[in-house]
Amino acid sequence: MVKYILKKLLYMIVTLWIIMTATFFMMNMIPGDPMQNGTKVLPEAVAKNLEKKWGLDKPITERYVRYIKNFLKGDLGESYTTPGLTANEVIASRLPASLRLGLQAVIVGLVLGLLIGILAALRRNTWVDFLAIFLAIVGVSVPSFVFAALLQKSLGGSFFPIVGWITKGMGLPEQFRVTALPTLSAAIGGMATYSRFMRSSVLDVLSNDYILTARAKGLSEGEILRRHVLRNSITPIISIVAPQVAGIVTGSFVIERIFSIPGLGRYYVDSVNGRDYPMIMATTIFFSAIFIVSIVVMDILYALVDPRVRRNLIK
């Protein structure tokens, strides 16, 4: 098992290096100039001084080698669009909002999705099942920003604020009011996916012979559900939860912009538009690292939960 984990960590480092290298060169090949971007037109002397300060006057290979050296020291560079702030400081200041939104969305989506999926499987071919299937199709098909707009229109304004985020000194009830709509908007897609997979997984487990054997032994339906169905049904869900977690934690760009949340995803979009090279690199590396780590964690959990996978690793 230790050898397996070390092997996964090595793959993780190589994958991250490939992403970092590809992003660096592609970013510099895209048309556009950080000095003359959009309506921003700097005087020639100022632009030359900034180019020299940021090393943009050097050949791209020399800049790449310098970036790698600084990266290994933990230095991700200074932001072009917010002078005086390093990429490390920007990530540290904006990550808590993105992380809170993402984790709340994952928890809400996972809990509701699993409950709906189990209920739909146990009430197969009834109105409960059909309603769950309909909701899952709607949840997967409709983009999250549409749900965000609908929730703002229907629930926003009276009890739940239309935009805004947690500020210093807010109590828990106030935090719930502020974060409820963005959390629900981000959670609906995941909830639909989890319910669909959980329904199929529970139905698959219920069709096995050992379930019939358990019933023949006199076990109650509740005991069969707890001891056999849930444990065996949850394994396939693990394979989709980890990427979903990474996707929601790092990818709520639209939700953050709609609800004016000061998160990292919103800053990432602004960085791309402003050709802020250090921030583009820093956020890409950060998001990629979270995604890769989630995949590794998923593989390890899969091995821990499923004895067949664990036995294959030991061999």
C-alpha atoms as a PDB file:
ATOM      1  CA  MET A   1       0.000   0.000   0.000  1.00  0.00           C
ATOM      2  CA  VAL A   2       2.869   2.408   0.825  1.00  0.00           C
ATOM      3  CA  LYS A   3       4.516   1.627  -2.499  1.00  0.00           C
ATOM      4  CA  TYR A   4       1.219   2.307  -4.250  1.00  0.00           C
ATOM      5  CA  ILE A   5       0.843   5.701  -2.542  1.00  0.00           C
ATOM      6  CA  LEU A   6       4.448   6.695  -3.364  1.00  0.00           C
ATOM      7  CA  LYS A   7       3.879   5.733  -6.988  1.00  0.00           C
ATOM      8  CA  LYS A   8       0.751   7.890  -7.100  1.00  0.00           C
ATOM      9  CA  LEU A   9       2.646  10.831  -5.579  1.00  0.00           C
ATOM     10  CA  LEU A  10       5.350  10.530  -8.249  1.00  0.00           C
ATOM     11  CA  TYR A  11       2.682  10.593 -10.986  1.00  0.00           C
ATOM     12  CA  MET A  12       1.164  13.623  -9.284  1.00  0.00           C
ATOM     13  CA  ILE A  13       4.454  15.574  -9.405  1.00  0.00           C
ATOM     14  CA  VAL A  14       5.122  14.695 -13.057  1.00  0.00           C
ATOM     15  CA  THR A  15       1.563  15.616 -14.079  1.00  0.00           C
ATOM     16  CA  LEU A  16       1.798  18.944 -12.278  1.00  0.00           C
ATOM     17  CA  TRP A  17       5.119  19.759 -13.974  1.00  0.00           C
ATOM     18  CA  ILE A  18       3.632  18.971 -17.420  1.00  0.00           C
ATOM     19  CA  ILE A  19       0.609  21.212 -16.735  1.00  0.00           C
ATOM     20  CA  MET A  20       2.858  23.992 -15.448  1.00  0.00           C
ATOM     21  CA  THR A  21       5.159  23.848 -18.485  1.00  0.00           C
ATOM     22  CA  ALA A  22       2.315  23.660 -21.014  1.00  0.00           C
ATOM     23  CA  THR A  23       0.490  26.573 -19.347  1.00  0.00           C
ATOM     24  CA  PHE A  24       3.618  28.742 -19.270  1.00  0.00           C
ATOM     25  CA  PHE A  25       4.391  28.387 -22.982  1.00  0.00           C
ATOM     26  CA  MET A  26       0.762  28.528 -24.186  1.00  0.00           C
ATOM     27  CA  MET A  27       0.111  31.604 -22.051  1.00  0.00           C
ATOM     28  CA  ASN A  28       3.028  33.420 -23.707  1.00  0.00           C
ATOM     29  CA  MET A  29       1.882  32.355 -27.197  1.00  0.00           C
ATOM     30  CA  ILE A  30      -1.602  33.861 -26.806  1.00  0.00           C
ATOM     31  CA  PRO A  31      -1.951  37.243 -28.592  1.00  0.00           C
ATOM     32  CA  GLY A  32      -2.001  40.179 -26.194  1.00  0.00           C
ATOM     33  CA  ASP A  33       0.346  42.161 -24.021  1.00  0.00           C
ATOM     34  CA  PRO A  34       0.104  42.815 -20.265  1.00  0.00           C
ATOM     35  CA  MET A  35       1.445  46.333 -20.956  1.00  0.00           C
ATOM     36  CA  GLN A  36      -1.150  47.281 -23.567  1.00  0.00           C
ATOM     37  CA  ASN A  37      -4.280  45.343 -22.653  1.00  0.00           C
ATOM     38  CA  GLY A  38      -7.775  46.587 -23.532  1.00  0.00           C
ATOM     39  CA  THR A  39      -8.134  50.278 -22.688  1.00  0.00           C
ATOM     40  CA  LYS A  40      -4.900  50.260 -20.660  1.00  0.00           C
ATOM     41  CA  VAL A  41      -2.191  52.016 -22.708  1.00  0.00           C
ATOM     42  CA  LEU A  42       0.991  52.808 -20.780  1.00  0.00           C
ATOM     43  CA  PRO A  43       3.616  55.360 -21.881  1.00  0.00           C
ATOM     44  CA  GLU A  44       6.516  53.688 -23.686  1.00  0.00           C
ATOM     45  CA  ALA A  45       9.087  54.471 -20.978  1.00  0.00           C
ATOM     46  CA  VAL A  46       6.836  53.090 -18.220  1.00  0.00           C
ATOM     47  CA  ALA A  47       6.092  49.961 -20.256  1.00  0.00           C
ATOM     48  CA  LYS A  48       9.813  49.319 -20.816  1.00  0.00           C
ATOM     49  CA  ASN A  49      10.567  49.731 -17.110  1.00  0.00           C
ATOM     50  CA  LEU A  50       7.808  47.270 -16.179  1.00  0.00           C
ATOM     51  CA  GLU A  51       8.962  44.795 -18.828  1.00  0.00           C
ATOM     52  CA  LYS A  52      12.455  44.930 -17.356  1.00  0.00           C
ATOM     53  CA  LYS A  53      11.148  44.596 -13.785  1.00  0.00           C
ATOM     54  CA  TRP A  54       8.990  41.582 -14.603  1.00  0.00           C
ATOM     55  CA  GLY A  55      11.577  40.021 -16.931  1.00  0.00           C
ATOM     56  CA  LEU A  56       9.360  40.196 -20.009  1.00  0.00           C
ATOM     57  CA  ASP A  57      12.299  41.532 -22.062  1.00  0.00           C
ATOM     58  CA  LYS A  58      14.121  38.188 -21.666  1.00  0.00           C
ATOM     59  CA  PRO A  59      13.797  35.158 -24.009  1.00  0.00           C
ATOM     60  CA  ILE A  60      10.934  32.837 -23.086  1.00  0.00           C
ATOM     61  CA  THR A  61      13.234  29.898 -22.225  1.00  0.00           C
ATOM     62  CA  GLU A  62      15.199  32.067 -19.783  1.00  0.00           C
ATOM     63  CA  ARG A  63      11.928  33.233 -18.172  1.00  0.00           C
ATOM     64  CA  TYR A  64      10.754  29.624 -17.877  1.00  0.00           C
ATOM     65  CA  VAL A  65      13.941  28.496 -16.121  1.00  0.00           C
ATOM     66  CA  ARG A  66      13.717  31.459 -13.740  1.00  0.00           C
ATOM     67  CA  TYR A  67      10.039  30.719 -13.023  1.00  0.00           C
ATOM     68  CA  ILE A  68      10.797  27.087 -12.182  1.00  0.00           C
ATOM     69  CA  LYS A  69      13.626  28.135  -9.839  1.00  0.00           C
ATOM     70  CA  ASN A  70      11.374  30.640  -8.061  1.00  0.00           C
ATOM     71  CA  PHE A  71       8.534  28.086  -7.898  1.00  0.00           C
ATOM     72  CA  LEU A  72      10.796  25.581  -6.144  1.00  0.00           C
ATOM     73  CA  LYS A  73      11.524  28.301  -3.565  1.00  0.00           C
ATOM     74  CA  GLY A  74       7.760  28.869  -3.081  1.00  0.00           C
ATOM     75  CA  ASP A  75       7.782  32.229  -4.904  1.00  0.00           C
ATOM     76  CA  LEU A  76       4.918  32.470  -7.448  1.00  0.00           C
ATOM     77  CA  GLY A  77       5.690  36.039  -8.481  1.00  0.00           C
ATOM     78  CA  GLU A  78       4.040  39.441  -8.116  1.00  0.00           C
ATOM     79  CA  SER A  79       0.606  40.157  -9.582  1.00  0.00           C
ATOM     80  CA  TYR A  80       0.612  42.565 -12.560  1.00  0.00           C
ATOM     81  CA  THR A  81      -2.925  43.832 -11.949  1.00  0.00           C
ATOM     82  CA  THR A  82      -2.546  44.337  -8.171  1.00  0.00           C
ATOM     83  CA  PRO A  83       1.001  45.704  -7.733  1.00  0.00           C
ATOM     84  CA  GLY A  84       2.475  45.155  -4.301  1.00  0.00           C
ATOM     85  CA  LEU A  85       0.674  41.848  -3.799  1.00  0.00           C
ATOM     86  CA  THR A  86       2.301  38.516  -4.560  1.00  0.00           C
ATOM     87  CA  ALA A  87       0.380  35.615  -6.080  1.00  0.00           C
ATOM     88  CA  ASN A  88       0.808  33.747  -2.786  1.00  0.00           C
ATOM     89  CA  GLU A  89      -0.884  36.613  -0.901  1.00  0.00           C
ATOM     90  CA  VAL A  90      -3.755  36.855  -3.400  1.00  0.00           C
ATOM     91  CA  ILE A  91      -4.435  33.098  -3.155  1.00  0.00           C
ATOM     92  CA  ALA A  92      -4.266  33.189   0.644  1.00  0.00           C
ATOM     93  CA  SER A  93      -6.730  36.107   0.847  1.00  0.00           C
ATOM     94  CA  ARG A  94      -9.278  34.762  -1.655  1.00  0.00           C
ATOM     95  CA  LEU A  95      -9.118  31.021  -1.054  1.00  0.00           C
ATOM     96  CA  PRO A  96     -11.298  30.943   2.128  1.00  0.00           C
ATOM     97  CA  ALA A  97     -14.393  32.239   0.288  1.00  0.00           C
ATOM     98  CA  SER A  98     -14.005  29.744  -2.596  1.00  0.00           C
ATOM     99  CA  LEU A  99     -13.238  26.907  -0.217  1.00  0.00           C
ATOM    100  CA  ARG A 100     -16.256  27.616   1.988  1.00  0.00           C
ATOM    101  CA  LEU A 101     -18.619  27.911  -0.967  1.00  0.00           C
ATOM    102  CA  GLY A 102     -17.259  24.734  -2.551  1.00  0.00           C
ATOM    103  CA  LEU A 103     -17.337  22.613   0.589  1.00  0.00           C
ATOM    104  CA  GLN A 104     -20.855  23.718   1.518  1.00  0.00           C
ATOM    105  CA  ALA A 105     -22.025  22.945  -2.020  1.00  0.00           C
ATOM    106  CA  VAL A 106     -20.411  19.497  -1.954  1.00  0.00           C
ATOM    107  CA  ILE A 107     -21.913  18.595   1.434  1.00  0.00           C
ATOM    108  CA  VAL A 108     -25.421  19.780   0.474  1.00  0.00           C
ATOM    109  CA  GLY A 109     -25.240  18.128  -2.958  1.00  0.00           C
ATOM    110  CA  LEU A 110     -23.857  14.856  -1.609  1.00  0.00           C
ATOM    111  CA  VAL A 111     -26.310  14.451   1.270  1.00  0.00           C
ATOM    112  CA  LEU A 112     -29.412  15.347  -0.758  1.00  0.00           C
ATOM    113  CA  GLY A 113     -28.204  13.453  -3.853  1.00  0.00           C
ATOM    114  CA  LEU A 114     -27.573  10.208  -1.954  1.00  0.00           C
ATOM    115  CA  LEU A 115     -30.914  10.418  -0.137  1.00  0.00           C
ATOM    116  CA  ILE A 116     -32.844  11.061  -3.360  1.00  0.00           C
ATOM    117  CA  GLY A 117     -30.970   8.262  -5.166  1.00  0.00           C
ATOM    118  CA  ILE A 118     -31.654   5.713  -2.398  1.00  0.00           C
ATOM    119  CA  LEU A 119     -35.308   6.726  -2.143  1.00  0.00           C
ATOM    120  CA  ALA A 120     -35.780   6.508  -5.923  1.00  0.00           C
ATOM    121  CA  ALA A 121     -34.247   3.015  -6.051  1.00  0.00           C
ATOM    122  CA  LEU A 122     -36.337   1.728  -3.133  1.00  0.00           C
ATOM    123  CA  ARG A 123     -39.509   3.177  -4.741  1.00  0.00           C
ATOM    124  CA  ARG A 124     -38.656   2.079  -8.280  1.00  0.00           C
ATOM    125  CA  ASN A 125     -41.300   2.754 -10.975  1.00  0.00           C
ATOM    126  CA  THR A 126     -43.418   4.879  -8.643  1.00  0.00           C
ATOM    127  CA  TRP A 127     -44.071   8.626  -8.810  1.00  0.00           C
ATOM    128  CA  VAL A 128     -41.175   9.153  -6.376  1.00  0.00           C
ATOM    129  CA  ASP A 129     -38.783   7.456  -8.803  1.00  0.00           C
ATOM    130  CA  PHE A 130     -40.100   9.377 -11.818  1.00  0.00           C
ATOM    131  CA  LEU A 131     -39.870  12.684  -9.956  1.00  0.00           C
ATOM    132  CA  ALA A 132     -36.278  11.930  -8.903  1.00  0.00           C
ATOM    133  CA  ILE A 133     -35.318  11.060 -12.505  1.00  0.00           C
ATOM    134  CA  PHE A 134     -36.944  14.257 -13.784  1.00  0.00           C
ATOM    135  CA  LEU A 135     -35.129  16.392 -11.207  1.00  0.00           C
ATOM    136  CA  ALA A 136     -31.818  14.679 -12.027  1.00  0.00           C
ATOM    137  CA  ILE A 137     -32.243  15.392 -15.751  1.00  0.00           C
ATOM    138  CA  VAL A 138     -33.092  19.037 -15.059  1.00  0.00           C
ATOM    139  CA  GLY A 139     -30.194  19.378 -12.604  1.00  0.00           C
ATOM    140  CA  VAL A 140     -27.643  17.997 -15.067  1.00  0.00           C
ATOM    141  CA  SER A 141     -28.998  19.784 -18.153  1.00  0.00           C
ATOM    142  CA  VAL A 142     -29.536  23.319 -16.849  1.00  0.00           C
ATOM    143  CA  PRO A 143     -26.386  25.420 -16.180  1.00  0.00           C
ATOM    144  CA  SER A 144     -25.733  26.581 -12.632  1.00  0.00           C
ATOM    145  CA  PHE A 145     -26.003  30.276 -13.557  1.00  0.00           C
ATOM    146  CA  VAL A 146     -29.638  29.717 -14.626  1.00  0.00           C
ATOM    147  CA  PHE A 147     -30.432  28.221 -11.213  1.00  0.00           C
ATOM    148  CA  ALA A 148     -28.588  31.143  -9.600  1.00  0.00           C
ATOM    149  CA  ALA A 149     -30.737  33.673 -11.494  1.00  0.00           C
ATOM    150  CA  LEU A 150     -33.958  31.770 -10.667  1.00  0.00           C
ATOM    151  CA  LEU A 151     -33.070  31.559  -6.978  1.00  0.00           C
ATOM    152  CA  GLN A 152     -32.186  35.265  -6.877  1.00  0.00           C
ATOM    153  CA  LYS A 153     -35.502  36.101  -8.538  1.00  0.00           C
ATOM    154  CA  SER A 154     -37.686  33.808  -6.417  1.00  0.00           C
ATOM    155  CA  LEU A 155     -36.018  33.869  -2.978  1.00  0.00           C
ATOM    156  CA  GLY A 156     -33.625  36.800  -3.037  1.00  0.00           C
ATOM    157  CA  GLY A 157     -34.357  40.193  -1.544  1.00  0.00           C
ATOM    158  CA  SER A 158     -36.563  39.466   1.458  1.00  0.00           C
ATOM    159  CA  PHE A 159     -34.810  36.960   3.675  1.00  0.00           C
ATOM    160  CA  PHE A 160     -31.894  35.883   1.495  1.00  0.00           C
ATOM    161  CA  PRO A 161     -29.694  38.698   0.075  1.00  0.00           C
ATOM    162  CA  ILE A 162     -29.348  38.756  -3.729  1.00  0.00           C
ATOM    163  CA  VAL A 163     -25.583  39.357  -3.639  1.00  0.00           C
ATOM    164  CA  GLY A 164     -22.873  39.550  -1.002  1.00  0.00           C
ATOM    165  CA  TRP A 165     -20.727  37.353   1.167  1.00  0.00           C
ATOM    166  CA  ILE A 166     -19.642  36.823   4.748  1.00  0.00           C
ATOM    167  CA  THR A 167     -18.005  39.769   6.463  1.00  0.00           C
ATOM    168  CA  LYS A 168     -16.079  39.977   9.708  1.00  0.00           C
ATOM    169  CA  GLY A 169     -18.216  39.704  12.842  1.00  0.00           C
ATOM    170  CA  MET A 170     -21.222  37.955  11.218  1.00  0.00           C
ATOM    171  CA  GLY A 171     -22.998  35.400  13.387  1.00  0.00           C
ATOM    172  CA  LEU A 172     -23.913  31.900  12.200  1.00  0.00           C
ATOM    173  CA  PRO A 173     -27.582  32.732  11.339  1.00  0.00           C
ATOM    174  CA  GLU A 174     -26.431  35.687   9.239  1.00  0.00           C
ATOM    175  CA  GLN A 175     -23.745  33.548   7.544  1.00  0.00           C
ATOM    176  CA  PHE A 176     -26.437  31.014   6.647  1.00  0.00           C
ATOM    177  CA  ARG A 177     -28.626  33.721   5.084  1.00  0.00           C
ATOM    178  CA  VAL A 178     -25.768  35.107   2.992  1.00  0.00           C
ATOM    179  CA  THR A 179     -24.390  31.788   1.756  1.00  0.00           C
ATOM    180  CA  ALA A 180     -27.657  29.851   1.224  1.00  0.00           C
ATOM    181  CA  LEU A 181     -28.454  30.870  -2.370  1.00  0.00           C
ATOM    182  CA  PRO A 182     -24.915  30.578  -3.846  1.00  0.00           C
ATOM    183  CA  THR A 183     -24.440  27.248  -2.062  1.00  0.00           C
ATOM    184  CA  LEU A 184     -27.690  25.845  -3.428  1.00  0.00           C
ATOM    185  CA  SER A 185     -26.930  27.155  -6.923  1.00  0.00           C
ATOM    186  CA  ALA A 186     -23.543  25.417  -6.917  1.00  0.00           C
ATOM    187  CA  ALA A 187     -24.910  22.219  -5.328  1.00  0.00           C
ATOM    188  CA  ILE A 188     -27.779  21.412  -7.720  1.00  0.00           C
ATOM    189  CA  GLY A 189     -25.604  19.985 -10.517  1.00  0.00           C
ATOM    190  CA  GLY A 190     -23.700  17.700  -8.140  1.00  0.00           C
ATOM    191  CA  MET A 191     -26.894  16.645  -6.375  1.00  0.00           C
ATOM    192  CA  ALA A 192     -28.408  15.530  -9.692  1.00  0.00           C
ATOM    193  CA  THR A 193     -25.282  13.549 -10.601  1.00  0.00           C
ATOM    194  CA  TYR A 194     -25.013  11.822  -7.209  1.00  0.00           C
ATOM    195  CA  SER A 195     -28.711  10.877  -7.153  1.00  0.00           C
ATOM    196  CA  ARG A 196     -28.493   9.352 -10.642  1.00  0.00           C
ATOM    197  CA  PHE A 197     -25.418   7.269  -9.802  1.00  0.00           C
ATOM    198  CA  MET A 198     -26.739   6.266  -6.377  1.00  0.00           C
ATOM    199  CA  ARG A 199     -30.050   5.082  -7.829  1.00  0.00           C
ATOM    200  CA  SER A 200     -28.284   2.866 -10.397  1.00  0.00           C
ATOM    201  CA  SER A 201     -25.839   1.566  -7.812  1.00  0.00           C
ATOM    202  CA  VAL A 202     -28.556   0.646  -5.277  1.00  0.00           C
ATOM    203  CA  LEU A 203     -30.638  -1.097  -7.967  1.00  0.00           C
ATOM    204  CA  ASP A 204     -27.569  -3.059  -9.039  1.00  0.00           C
ATOM    205  CA  VAL A 205     -26.871  -4.204  -5.474  1.00  0.00           C
ATOM    206  CA  LEU A 206     -30.529  -5.112  -4.834  1.00  0.00           C
ATOM    207  CA  SER A 207     -30.457  -7.482  -7.820  1.00  0.00           C
ATOM    208  CA  ASN A 208     -27.687  -9.649  -6.306  1.00  0.00           C
ATOM    209  CA  ASP A 209     -28.340 -13.104  -4.896  1.00  0.00           C
ATOM    210  CA  TYR A 210     -26.918 -12.287  -1.460  1.00  0.00           C
ATOM    211  CA  ILE A 211     -29.762  -9.802  -0.944  1.00  0.00           C
ATOM    212  CA  LEU A 212     -32.257 -12.631  -1.531  1.00  0.00           C
ATOM    213  CA  THR A 213     -30.246 -14.779   0.883  1.00  0.00           C
ATOM    214  CA  ALA A 214     -30.336 -12.043   3.513  1.00  0.00           C
ATOM    215  CA  ARG A 215     -34.115 -11.761   3.153  1.00  0.00           C
ATOM    216  CA  ALA A 216     -34.470 -15.537   3.383  1.00  0.00           C
ATOM    217  CA  LYS A 217     -32.521 -15.427   6.665  1.00  0.00           C
ATOM    218  CA  GLY A 218     -35.166 -13.073   8.050  1.00  0.00           C
ATOM    219  CA  LEU A 219     -33.203  -9.805   8.093  1.00  0.00           C
ATOM    220  CA  SER A 220     -35.402  -6.725   8.080  1.00  0.00           C
ATOM    221  CA  GLU A 221     -35.349  -4.339   5.089  1.00  0.00           C
ATOM    222  CA  GLY A 222     -33.700  -1.681   7.249  1.00  0.00           C
ATOM    223  CA  GLU A 223     -30.947  -4.068   8.303  1.00  0.00           C
ATOM    224  CA  ILE A 224     -30.383  -5.231   4.716  1.00  0.00           C
ATOM    225  CA  LEU A 225     -30.148  -1.605   3.624  1.00  0.00           C
ATOM    226  CA  ARG A 226     -27.642  -0.715   6.345  1.00  0.00           C
ATOM    227  CA  ARG A 227     -25.468  -3.847   6.272  1.00  0.00           C
ATOM    228  CA  HIS A 228     -25.431  -4.722   2.571  1.00  0.00           C
ATOM    229  CA  VAL A 229     -26.942  -2.126   0.252  1.00  0.00           C
ATOM    230  CA  LEU A 230     -25.385   1.118   1.482  1.00  0.00           C
ATOM    231  CA  ARG A 231     -21.852  -0.194   1.896  1.00  0.00           C
ATOM    232  CA  ASN A 232     -21.737  -1.864  -1.520  1.00  0.00           C
ATOM    233  CA  SER A 233     -23.546   0.970  -3.295  1.00  0.00           C
ATOM    234  CA  ILE A 234     -21.314   3.738  -2.034  1.00  0.00           C
ATOM    235  CA  THR A 235     -18.124   2.394  -3.682  1.00  0.00           C
ATOM    236  CA  PRO A 236     -18.887   3.577  -7.254  1.00  0.00           C
ATOM    237  CA  ILE A 237     -19.915   6.973  -5.853  1.00  0.00           C
ATOM    238  CA  ILE A 238     -16.398   7.540  -4.498  1.00  0.00           C
ATOM    239  CA  SER A 239     -15.032   7.502  -8.058  1.00  0.00           C
ATOM    240  CA  ILE A 240     -17.124  10.536  -8.999  1.00  0.00           C
ATOM    241  CA  VAL A 241     -17.112  12.470  -5.728  1.00  0.00           C
ATOM    242  CA  ALA A 242     -13.419  13.415  -5.701  1.00  0.00           C
ATOM    243  CA  PRO A 243     -13.345  15.086  -9.152  1.00  0.00           C
ATOM    244  CA  GLN A 244     -16.669  16.754  -8.315  1.00  0.00           C
ATOM    245  CA  VAL A 245     -15.199  18.101  -5.081  1.00  0.00           C
ATOM    246  CA  ALA A 246     -12.219  19.552  -6.906  1.00  0.00           C
ATOM    247  CA  GLY A 247     -14.440  20.941  -9.645  1.00  0.00           C
ATOM    248  CA  ILE A 248     -16.800  22.711  -7.267  1.00  0.00           C
ATOM    249  CA  VAL A 249     -14.117  23.968  -4.900  1.00  0.00           C
ATOM    250  CA  THR A 250     -12.063  25.458  -7.713  1.00  0.00           C
ATOM    251  CA  GLY A 251     -14.557  26.044 -10.460  1.00  0.00           C
ATOM    252  CA  SER A 252     -17.411  28.181  -9.137  1.00  0.00           C
ATOM    253  CA  PHE A 253     -16.299  31.071 -11.378  1.00  0.00           C
ATOM    254  CA  VAL A 254     -19.779  31.966 -12.568  1.00  0.00           C
ATOM    255  CA  ILE A 255     -21.452  31.612  -9.174  1.00  0.00           C
ATOM    256  CA  GLU A 256     -18.812  33.818  -7.562  1.00  0.00           C
ATOM    257  CA  ARG A 257     -19.325  36.511 -10.178  1.00  0.00           C
ATOM    258  CA  ILE A 258     -23.161  36.384 -10.034  1.00  0.00           C
ATOM    259  CA  PHE A 259     -23.253  36.675  -6.230  1.00  0.00           C
ATOM    260  CA  SER A 260     -20.235  39.047  -5.997  1.00  0.00           C
ATOM    261  CA  ILE A 261     -18.257  36.597  -3.887  1.00  0.00           C
ATOM    262  CA  PRO A 262     -14.594  37.631  -3.387  1.00  0.00           C
ATOM    263  CA  GLY A 263     -13.281  34.177  -4.272  1.00  0.00           C
ATOM    264  CA  LEU A 264     -10.361  32.783  -6.211  1.00  0.00           C
ATOM    265  CA  GLY A 265     -12.416  31.639  -9.190  1.00  0.00           C
ATOM    266  CA  ARG A 266     -13.606  35.160  -9.894  1.00  0.00           C
ATOM    267  CA  TYR A 267     -10.030  36.456  -9.652  1.00  0.00           C
ATOM    268  CA  TYR A 268      -8.845  33.741 -12.064  1.00  0.00           C
ATOM    269  CA  VAL A 269     -11.180  35.007 -14.793  1.00  0.00           C
ATOM    270  CA  ASP A 270     -10.062  38.593 -14.206  1.00  0.00           C
ATOM    271  CA  SER A 271      -6.409  37.478 -14.410  1.00  0.00           C
ATOM    272  CA  VAL A 272      -6.915  35.854 -17.799  1.00  0.00           C
ATOM    273  CA  ASN A 273      -8.677  38.950 -19.139  1.00  0.00           C
ATOM    274  CA  GLY A 274      -5.902  41.213 -17.774  1.00  0.00           C
ATOM    275  CA  ARG A 275      -2.991  39.006 -19.019  1.00  0.00           C
ATOM    276  CA  ASP A 276      -1.755  38.778 -15.441  1.00  0.00           C
ATOM    277  CA  TYR A 277       0.811  36.047 -16.153  1.00  0.00           C
ATOM    278  CA  PRO A 278       1.957  35.316 -12.561  1.00  0.00           C
ATOM    279  CA  MET A 279      -1.652  35.001 -11.372  1.00  0.00           C
ATOM    280  CA  ILE A 280      -2.656  32.832 -14.351  1.00  0.00           C
ATOM    281  CA  MET A 281       0.248  30.483 -13.567  1.00  0.00           C
ATOM    282  CA  ALA A 282      -0.372  30.507  -9.809  1.00  0.00           C
ATOM    283  CA  THR A 283      -4.107  29.805 -10.007  1.00  0.00           C
ATOM    284  CA  THR A 284      -3.669  27.155 -12.722  1.00  0.00           C
ATOM    285  CA  ILE A 285      -1.044  25.346 -10.650  1.00  0.00           C
ATOM    286  CA  PHE A 286      -3.177  25.652  -7.537  1.00  0.00           C
ATOM    287  CA  PHE A 287      -6.360  24.355  -9.190  1.00  0.00           C
ATOM    288  CA  SER A 288      -4.453  21.544 -10.921  1.00  0.00           C
ATOM    289  CA  ALA A 289      -2.828  20.500  -7.633  1.00  0.00           C
ATOM    290  CA  ILE A 290      -6.224  20.284  -5.921  1.00  0.00           C
ATOM    291  CA  PHE A 291      -7.652  18.253  -8.781  1.00  0.00           C
ATOM    292  CA  ILE A 292      -4.701  15.849  -8.915  1.00  0.00           C
ATOM    293  CA  VAL A 293      -4.655  15.386  -5.131  1.00  0.00           C
ATOM    294  CA  SER A 294      -8.391  14.637  -5.187  1.00  0.00           C
ATOM    295  CA  ILE A 295      -7.787  11.908  -7.792  1.00  0.00           C
ATOM    296  CA  VAL A 296      -5.041  10.356  -5.662  1.00  0.00           C
ATOM    297  CA  VAL A 297      -7.245  10.497  -2.547  1.00  0.00           C
ATOM    298  CA  MET A 298     -10.060   8.899  -4.543  1.00  0.00           C
ATOM    299  CA  ASP A 299      -7.793   5.999  -5.593  1.00  0.00           C
ATOM    300  CA  ILE A 300      -6.650   5.451  -2.004  1.00  0.00           C
ATOM    301  CA  LEU A 301     -10.222   5.556  -0.661  1.00  0.00           C
ATOM    302  CA  TYR A 302     -11.302   3.165  -3.384  1.00  0.00           C
ATOM    303  CA  ALA A 303      -8.621   0.728  -2.262  1.00  0.00           C
ATOM    304  CA  LEU A 304      -9.611   1.090   1.398  1.00  0.00           C
ATOM    305  CA  VAL A 305     -13.342   0.584   0.765  1.00  0.00           C
ATOM    306  CA  ASP A 306     -13.141  -2.212  -1.826  1.00  0.00           C
ATOM    307  CA  PRO A 307     -11.246  -5.309  -0.561  1.00  0.00           C
ATOM    308  CA  ARG A 308     -10.814  -6.602  -4.145  1.00  0.00           C
ATOM    309  CA  VAL A 309      -8.841  -3.497  -5.147  1.00  0.00           C
ATOM    310  CA  ARG A 310      -6.779  -3.729  -1.941  1.00  0.00           C
ATOM    311  CA  ARG A 311      -5.906  -7.372  -2.618  1.00  0.00           C
ATOM    312  CA  ASN A 312      -4.738  -6.514  -6.140  1.00  0.00           C
ATOM    313  CA  LEU A 313      -2.462  -3.792  -4.747  1.00  0.00           C
ATOM    314  CA  ILE A 314      -0.882  -6.174  -2.243  1.00  0.00           C
ATOM    315  CA  LYS A 315      -0.146  -8.672  -5.036  1.00  0.00           C
END
